[in-house]
Each structure stands twice: as C-alpha cells, then as structure tokens.
Amino acid sequence: MPHNKNILVMGDSISAAYGLAIADGWVQLTQQKINQQTYPFSLINQSVNGETTYASLTRINSLLQKHHPALVIIELGANDGLNGVPPEVIKDNLRELISRSQSAGANVLLLAMQTSHCYGDAYHDEFYRNYSALAKEMTCTYIPDILQGISTKENLLQQDGLHPTDKAQPLIAKKIWPYLLPLVEVI
C-alpha cells in the first residue's frame, strides 16, 4: 500500500539538475510549490545523470519497496535515444517501469522527451510516439515534450547544448505543475 506522502521521481540528468545546485532543479522547485500549497507530499528524487530505462528497471523494485510512493514520475528515455537503443526496446522498458509502479499501487506521470534526428526522422518520430502510446495503453498521465520551448533557446541551455540552465528550471516546473496538481489532489 502506498504511503500517501511520497512521490518518487525516476529520471536522468534533466531531473537530477545536471550542472546545477540540486536546490535549483525543477524537482526541488516543484517541492517548494507543493509546500507553499500545503500539500503533504515529499518528492523523493532518485534521478541519476546518464540514467537509461534499463538502468532504472534494475533499481525500481527496491525503490518502490523502500518509499511506497503514491505517485511515480518517470522522466527517462533521452539517454537511450542518444545511444541509439531501438525505440521498441525503450517502449518495452518504459512499459515495464509503469507496470511495476502501478502494481505497487502508485499512479504514474510520464514525462515525454525528444531525441535528436541523428538516427533519422523515422527513429525520432517513433521514439517520441512511444510516450503518448504508452500513456494511452497503460492509462497514465503524460506530459508532451517537457523541454519544448526550452531546448531551442541557447540562453536556456547549458554550454553542452543539452541540459537546461537554472533559468529553464522554473519553466520546466511550471509545465509539470498543471499535470501534477490533479494527481496530487486525488491521492
């Protein structure tokens, strides 16, 4: 049975606040918003720089058992895409992460990512379609492209051209909040 105060975040460097102070990342900013609204929830950020969907599969069971989340936020897939993992494998891994979370009694919020076109348009498009298809199949909430409007603006990306700056973090948190709020309110 979920502990109604825990929200587990499973993500990669986008959620791990790569290159920034943890306090400046979207997860911590979202926690501040939750606190301001006096919702009794704690975001438990288990995001890891470089994390793949497969690596998260090796960790999720123990994290679900340890934290008993009422909600799991999954922000994964970008590193799989950068490494050319076939989109169907990424989809299978995400499906399993969602399934395990739901089997543990948690709702799921799936954060969609884009990948580069370096493996061609067909790869890019199939990769991105995975998120909406899984949300429908697994009956979970998803957010289309959490970096839309951010990944195309140089001043919102770090020098590597991949990771959001501290100025972009509030924008990510703002994009996530309207999807997160209804889930928090029903828990």
C-alpha atoms as a PDB file:
ATOM      1  CA  MET A   1       0.000   0.000   0.000  1.00  0.00           C
ATOM      2  CA  PRO A   2       1.451   3.402  -0.940  1.00  0.00           C
ATOM      3  CA  HIS A   3       2.500   5.865   1.702  1.00  0.00           C
ATOM      4  CA  ASN A   4       0.352   8.799   0.653  1.00  0.00           C
ATOM      5  CA  LYS A   5       3.080  11.368   1.156  1.00  0.00           C
ATOM      6  CA  ASN A   6       5.743  10.084  -1.247  1.00  0.00           C
ATOM      7  CA  ILE A   7       6.238  10.974  -4.890  1.00  0.00           C
ATOM      8  CA  LEU A   8       9.139   9.071  -6.451  1.00  0.00           C
ATOM      9  CA  VAL A   9      10.988  10.756  -9.323  1.00  0.00           C
ATOM     10  CA  MET A  10      12.821   8.372 -11.653  1.00  0.00           C
ATOM     11  CA  GLY A  11      14.761  10.382 -14.185  1.00  0.00           C
ATOM     12  CA  ASP A  12      18.026  11.199 -15.851  1.00  0.00           C
ATOM     13  CA  SER A  13      20.188  14.336 -15.778  1.00  0.00           C
ATOM     14  CA  ILE A  14      17.200  16.555 -16.625  1.00  0.00           C
ATOM     15  CA  SER A  15      15.623  15.656 -13.270  1.00  0.00           C
ATOM     16  CA  ALA A  16      18.949  15.292 -11.442  1.00  0.00           C
ATOM     17  CA  ALA A  17      19.694  19.008 -12.065  1.00  0.00           C
ATOM     18  CA  TYR A  18      22.862  18.271 -14.030  1.00  0.00           C
ATOM     19  CA  GLY A  19      25.389  21.085 -13.719  1.00  0.00           C
ATOM     20  CA  LEU A  20      23.261  22.941 -11.176  1.00  0.00           C
ATOM     21  CA  ALA A  21      22.741  23.035  -7.452  1.00  0.00           C
ATOM     22  CA  ILE A  22      20.060  20.475  -6.518  1.00  0.00           C
ATOM     23  CA  ALA A  23      18.024  23.319  -4.983  1.00  0.00           C
ATOM     24  CA  ASP A  24      17.788  24.966  -8.422  1.00  0.00           C
ATOM     25  CA  GLY A  25      16.396  21.908 -10.223  1.00  0.00           C
ATOM     26  CA  TRP A  26      12.771  21.506 -11.285  1.00  0.00           C
ATOM     27  CA  VAL A  27      12.200  18.717  -8.727  1.00  0.00           C
ATOM     28  CA  GLN A  28      13.144  20.922  -5.789  1.00  0.00           C
ATOM     29  CA  LEU A  29      11.220  23.871  -7.228  1.00  0.00           C
ATOM     30  CA  THR A  30       8.166  21.625  -7.520  1.00  0.00           C
ATOM     31  CA  GLN A  31       8.640  20.528  -3.908  1.00  0.00           C
ATOM     32  CA  GLN A  32       8.654  24.184  -2.890  1.00  0.00           C
ATOM     33  CA  LYS A  33       5.372  24.721  -4.766  1.00  0.00           C
ATOM     34  CA  ILE A  34       3.850  21.678  -3.050  1.00  0.00           C
ATOM     35  CA  ASN A  35       4.959  23.057   0.323  1.00  0.00           C
ATOM     36  CA  GLN A  36       3.518  26.501  -0.463  1.00  0.00           C
ATOM     37  CA  GLN A  37       0.191  24.893  -1.336  1.00  0.00           C
ATOM     38  CA  THR A  38       0.438  22.899   1.933  1.00  0.00           C
ATOM     39  CA  TYR A  39       0.059  19.530   0.243  1.00  0.00           C
ATOM     40  CA  PRO A  40       1.590  16.848   2.480  1.00  0.00           C
ATOM     41  CA  PHE A  41       3.847  15.297  -0.187  1.00  0.00           C
ATOM     42  CA  SER A  42       7.566  14.690  -0.419  1.00  0.00           C
ATOM     43  CA  LEU A  43       9.306  14.344  -3.755  1.00  0.00           C
ATOM     44  CA  ILE A  44      11.978  11.702  -3.488  1.00  0.00           C
ATOM     45  CA  ASN A  45      14.376  12.369  -6.323  1.00  0.00           C
ATOM     46  CA  GLN A  46      16.111   9.184  -7.406  1.00  0.00           C
ATOM     47  CA  SER A  47      17.224  10.609 -10.748  1.00  0.00           C
ATOM     48  CA  VAL A  48      20.729   9.792 -11.964  1.00  0.00           C
ATOM     49  CA  ASN A  49      22.868  11.558 -14.546  1.00  0.00           C
ATOM     50  CA  GLY A  50      23.145   9.303 -17.598  1.00  0.00           C
ATOM     51  CA  GLU A  51      20.275   7.052 -16.467  1.00  0.00           C
ATOM     52  CA  THR A  52      18.676   4.780 -19.058  1.00  0.00           C
ATOM     53  CA  THR A  53      15.362   2.997 -18.962  1.00  0.00           C
ATOM     54  CA  TYR A  54      17.159  -0.326 -18.464  1.00  0.00           C
ATOM     55  CA  ALA A  55      19.220   1.005 -15.553  1.00  0.00           C
ATOM     56  CA  SER A  56      16.031   2.265 -13.893  1.00  0.00           C
ATOM     57  CA  LEU A  57      14.496  -1.194 -14.262  1.00  0.00           C
ATOM     58  CA  THR A  58      17.329  -2.582 -12.158  1.00  0.00           C
ATOM     59  CA  ARG A  59      16.576  -0.080  -9.363  1.00  0.00           C
ATOM     60  CA  ILE A  60      12.839   0.492  -9.353  1.00  0.00           C
ATOM     61  CA  ASN A  61      11.694  -2.538  -7.334  1.00  0.00           C
ATOM     62  CA  SER A  62      13.858  -1.675  -4.346  1.00  0.00           C
ATOM     63  CA  LEU A  63      12.867   1.998  -4.552  1.00  0.00           C
ATOM     64  CA  LEU A  64       9.165   1.142  -4.671  1.00  0.00           C
ATOM     65  CA  GLN A  65       9.574  -1.130  -1.648  1.00  0.00           C
ATOM     66  CA  LYS A  66      11.593   1.435   0.272  1.00  0.00           C
ATOM     67  CA  HIS A  67       9.483   4.552  -0.414  1.00  0.00           C
ATOM     68  CA  HIS A  68       5.960   3.185  -1.062  1.00  0.00           C
ATOM     69  CA  PRO A  69       5.105   6.088  -3.376  1.00  0.00           C
ATOM     70  CA  ALA A  70       1.581   7.157  -4.171  1.00  0.00           C
ATOM     71  CA  LEU A  71       2.891   8.605  -7.443  1.00  0.00           C
ATOM     72  CA  VAL A  72       5.900   7.855  -9.643  1.00  0.00           C
ATOM     73  CA  ILE A  73       7.170  10.474 -12.077  1.00  0.00           C
ATOM     74  CA  ILE A  74       9.119   8.875 -14.922  1.00  0.00           C
ATOM     75  CA  GLU A  75      11.393  11.150 -16.963  1.00  0.00           C
ATOM     76  CA  LEU A  76      13.504   8.727 -18.970  1.00  0.00           C
ATOM     77  CA  GLY A  77      14.423   7.728 -22.484  1.00  0.00           C
ATOM     78  CA  ALA A  78      16.689  10.541 -23.664  1.00  0.00           C
ATOM     79  CA  ASN A  79      19.925   8.674 -22.912  1.00  0.00           C
ATOM     80  CA  ASP A  80      18.545   5.551 -24.578  1.00  0.00           C
ATOM     81  CA  GLY A  81      17.816   7.686 -27.639  1.00  0.00           C
ATOM     82  CA  LEU A  82      21.290   9.245 -27.633  1.00  0.00           C
ATOM     83  CA  ASN A  83      22.739   5.717 -27.619  1.00  0.00           C
ATOM     84  CA  GLY A  84      20.533   4.521 -30.476  1.00  0.00           C
ATOM     85  CA  VAL A  85      18.598   1.955 -28.437  1.00  0.00           C
ATOM     86  CA  PRO A  86      15.762   0.730 -30.657  1.00  0.00           C
ATOM     87  CA  PRO A  87      12.537   2.635 -29.895  1.00  0.00           C
ATOM     88  CA  GLU A  88      10.628  -0.618 -29.308  1.00  0.00           C
ATOM     89  CA  VAL A  89      13.140  -1.582 -26.587  1.00  0.00           C
ATOM     90  CA  ILE A  90      12.771   1.836 -24.955  1.00  0.00           C
ATOM     91  CA  LYS A  91       8.993   1.444 -25.115  1.00  0.00           C
ATOM     92  CA  ASP A  92       9.155  -2.016 -23.544  1.00  0.00           C
ATOM     93  CA  ASN A  93      11.365  -0.712 -20.727  1.00  0.00           C
ATOM     94  CA  LEU A  94       9.098   2.278 -20.068  1.00  0.00           C
ATOM     95  CA  ARG A  95       6.058  -0.016 -20.128  1.00  0.00           C
ATOM     96  CA  GLU A  96       7.685  -2.228 -17.504  1.00  0.00           C
ATOM     97  CA  LEU A  97       8.581   0.775 -15.313  1.00  0.00           C
ATOM     98  CA  ILE A  98       4.976   1.960 -15.494  1.00  0.00           C
ATOM     99  CA  SER A  99       3.618  -1.531 -14.847  1.00  0.00           C
ATOM    100  CA  ARG A 100       5.799  -2.104 -11.792  1.00  0.00           C
ATOM    101  CA  SER A 101       4.848   1.307 -10.393  1.00  0.00           C
ATOM    102  CA  GLN A 102       1.144   0.679 -10.919  1.00  0.00           C
ATOM    103  CA  SER A 103       1.421  -2.830  -9.454  1.00  0.00           C
ATOM    104  CA  ALA A 104       2.912  -1.236  -6.340  1.00  0.00           C
ATOM    105  CA  GLY A 105      -0.219   0.934  -6.062  1.00  0.00           C
ATOM    106  CA  ALA A 106       1.234   4.153  -7.486  1.00  0.00           C
ATOM    107  CA  ASN A 107      -0.184   6.463 -10.113  1.00  0.00           C
ATOM    108  CA  VAL A 108       2.265   7.379 -12.878  1.00  0.00           C
ATOM    109  CA  LEU A 109       3.136  10.673 -14.533  1.00  0.00           C
ATOM    110  CA  LEU A 110       5.194  10.071 -17.684  1.00  0.00           C
ATOM    111  CA  LEU A 111       7.303  12.974 -18.931  1.00  0.00           C
ATOM    112  CA  ALA A 112       7.877  12.797 -22.682  1.00  0.00           C
ATOM    113  CA  MET A 113      11.248  13.582 -24.166  1.00  0.00           C
ATOM    114  CA  GLN A 114      12.510  14.213 -27.676  1.00  0.00           C
ATOM    115  CA  THR A 115      15.654  12.781 -29.177  1.00  0.00           C
ATOM    116  CA  SER A 116      17.890  14.194 -31.868  1.00  0.00           C
ATOM    117  CA  HIS A 117      17.444  13.400 -35.530  1.00  0.00           C
ATOM    118  CA  CYS A 118      20.930  11.837 -35.701  1.00  0.00           C
ATOM    119  CA  TYR A 119      19.407   8.386 -36.300  1.00  0.00           C
ATOM    120  CA  GLY A 120      16.938   9.736 -38.851  1.00  0.00           C
ATOM    121  CA  ASP A 121      13.416  11.081 -38.800  1.00  0.00           C
ATOM    122  CA  ALA A 122      11.766   7.651 -38.553  1.00  0.00           C
ATOM    123  CA  TYR A 123      13.722   6.855 -35.362  1.00  0.00           C
ATOM    124  CA  HIS A 124      12.984  10.300 -33.895  1.00  0.00           C
ATOM    125  CA  ASP A 125       9.267  10.064 -34.619  1.00  0.00           C
ATOM    126  CA  GLU A 126       8.868   6.503 -33.311  1.00  0.00           C
ATOM    127  CA  PHE A 127      10.815   7.404 -30.164  1.00  0.00           C
ATOM    128  CA  TYR A 128       8.514  10.354 -29.434  1.00  0.00           C
ATOM    129  CA  ARG A 129       5.281   8.493 -30.243  1.00  0.00           C
ATOM    130  CA  ASN A 130       6.183   5.901 -27.586  1.00  0.00           C
ATOM    131  CA  TYR A 131       5.143   8.269 -24.808  1.00  0.00           C
ATOM    132  CA  SER A 132       1.611   9.044 -25.943  1.00  0.00           C
ATOM    133  CA  ALA A 133       1.056   5.412 -26.975  1.00  0.00           C
ATOM    134  CA  LEU A 134       2.170   4.159 -23.564  1.00  0.00           C
ATOM    135  CA  ALA A 135       0.081   6.730 -21.714  1.00  0.00           C
ATOM    136  CA  LYS A 136      -2.984   5.507 -23.560  1.00  0.00           C
ATOM    137  CA  GLU A 137      -2.119   1.818 -23.248  1.00  0.00           C
ATOM    138  CA  MET A 138      -1.170   1.974 -19.566  1.00  0.00           C
ATOM    139  CA  THR A 139      -3.783   4.559 -18.550  1.00  0.00           C
ATOM    140  CA  CYS A 140      -1.383   7.061 -17.084  1.00  0.00           C
ATOM    141  CA  THR A 141      -0.931  10.790 -17.409  1.00  0.00           C
ATOM    142  CA  TYR A 142       1.823  12.087 -19.637  1.00  0.00           C
ATOM    143  CA  ILE A 143       3.264  15.458 -20.483  1.00  0.00           C
ATOM    144  CA  PRO A 144       4.273  16.040 -24.111  1.00  0.00           C
ATOM    145  CA  ASP A 145       7.903  17.160 -24.541  1.00  0.00           C
ATOM    146  CA  ILE A 146       8.808  18.774 -21.233  1.00  0.00           C
ATOM    147  CA  LEU A 147      11.649  20.682 -22.912  1.00  0.00           C
ATOM    148  CA  GLN A 148       9.539  22.183 -25.689  1.00  0.00           C
ATOM    149  CA  GLY A 149      10.398  25.863 -25.985  1.00  0.00           C
ATOM    150  CA  ILE A 150      13.480  25.305 -23.849  1.00  0.00           C
ATOM    151  CA  SER A 151      15.675  23.044 -25.953  1.00  0.00           C
ATOM    152  CA  THR A 152      15.641  25.534 -28.852  1.00  0.00           C
ATOM    153  CA  LYS A 153      16.789  28.585 -26.870  1.00  0.00           C
ATOM    154  CA  GLU A 154      20.502  28.937 -26.244  1.00  0.00           C
ATOM    155  CA  ASN A 155      20.101  31.036 -23.089  1.00  0.00           C
ATOM    156  CA  LEU A 156      18.037  28.223 -21.536  1.00  0.00           C
ATOM    157  CA  LEU A 157      20.626  25.523 -22.242  1.00  0.00           C
ATOM    158  CA  GLN A 158      24.000  24.946 -20.663  1.00  0.00           C
ATOM    159  CA  GLN A 159      27.110  25.093 -22.866  1.00  0.00           C
ATOM    160  CA  ASP A 160      26.686  21.422 -23.814  1.00  0.00           C
ATOM    161  CA  GLY A 161      23.504  22.339 -25.682  1.00  0.00           C
ATOM    162  CA  LEU A 162      21.583  19.530 -23.953  1.00  0.00           C
ATOM    163  CA  HIS A 163      20.962  20.382 -20.322  1.00  0.00           C
ATOM    164  CA  PRO A 164      18.656  23.162 -19.127  1.00  0.00           C
ATOM    165  CA  THR A 165      20.105  26.103 -17.221  1.00  0.00           C
ATOM    166  CA  ASP A 166      18.924  27.367 -13.863  1.00  0.00           C
ATOM    167  CA  LYS A 167      16.730  29.853 -15.768  1.00  0.00           C
ATOM    168  CA  ALA A 168      14.960  26.962 -17.516  1.00  0.00           C
ATOM    169  CA  GLN A 169      14.190  25.014 -14.336  1.00  0.00           C
ATOM    170  CA  PRO A 170      11.216  27.164 -13.236  1.00  0.00           C
ATOM    171  CA  LEU A 171       9.806  26.806 -16.766  1.00  0.00           C
ATOM    172  CA  ILE A 172      10.008  23.012 -16.516  1.00  0.00           C
ATOM    173  CA  ALA A 173       8.386  23.062 -13.072  1.00  0.00           C
ATOM    174  CA  LYS A 174       5.653  25.360 -14.394  1.00  0.00           C
ATOM    175  CA  LYS A 175       4.986  22.985 -17.292  1.00  0.00           C
ATOM    176  CA  ILE A 176       4.746  19.962 -14.968  1.00  0.00           C
ATOM    177  CA  TRP A 177       2.581  21.579 -12.274  1.00  0.00           C
ATOM    178  CA  PRO A 178      -0.812  21.559 -14.106  1.00  0.00           C
ATOM    179  CA  TYR A 179      -0.416  17.830 -14.777  1.00  0.00           C
ATOM    180  CA  LEU A 180       0.868  17.026 -11.297  1.00  0.00           C
ATOM    181  CA  LEU A 181      -1.739  19.004  -9.360  1.00  0.00           C
ATOM    182  CA  PRO A 182      -4.783  16.893 -10.344  1.00  0.00           C
ATOM    183  CA  LEU A 183      -2.885  13.718  -9.458  1.00  0.00           C
ATOM    184  CA  VAL A 184      -1.886  15.108  -6.055  1.00  0.00           C
ATOM    185  CA  GLU A 185      -5.428  16.220  -5.354  1.00  0.00           C
ATOM    186  CA  VAL A 186      -6.897  12.719  -5.830  1.00  0.00           C
ATOM    187  CA  ILE A 187      -4.316  10.864  -3.753  1.00  0.00           C
END
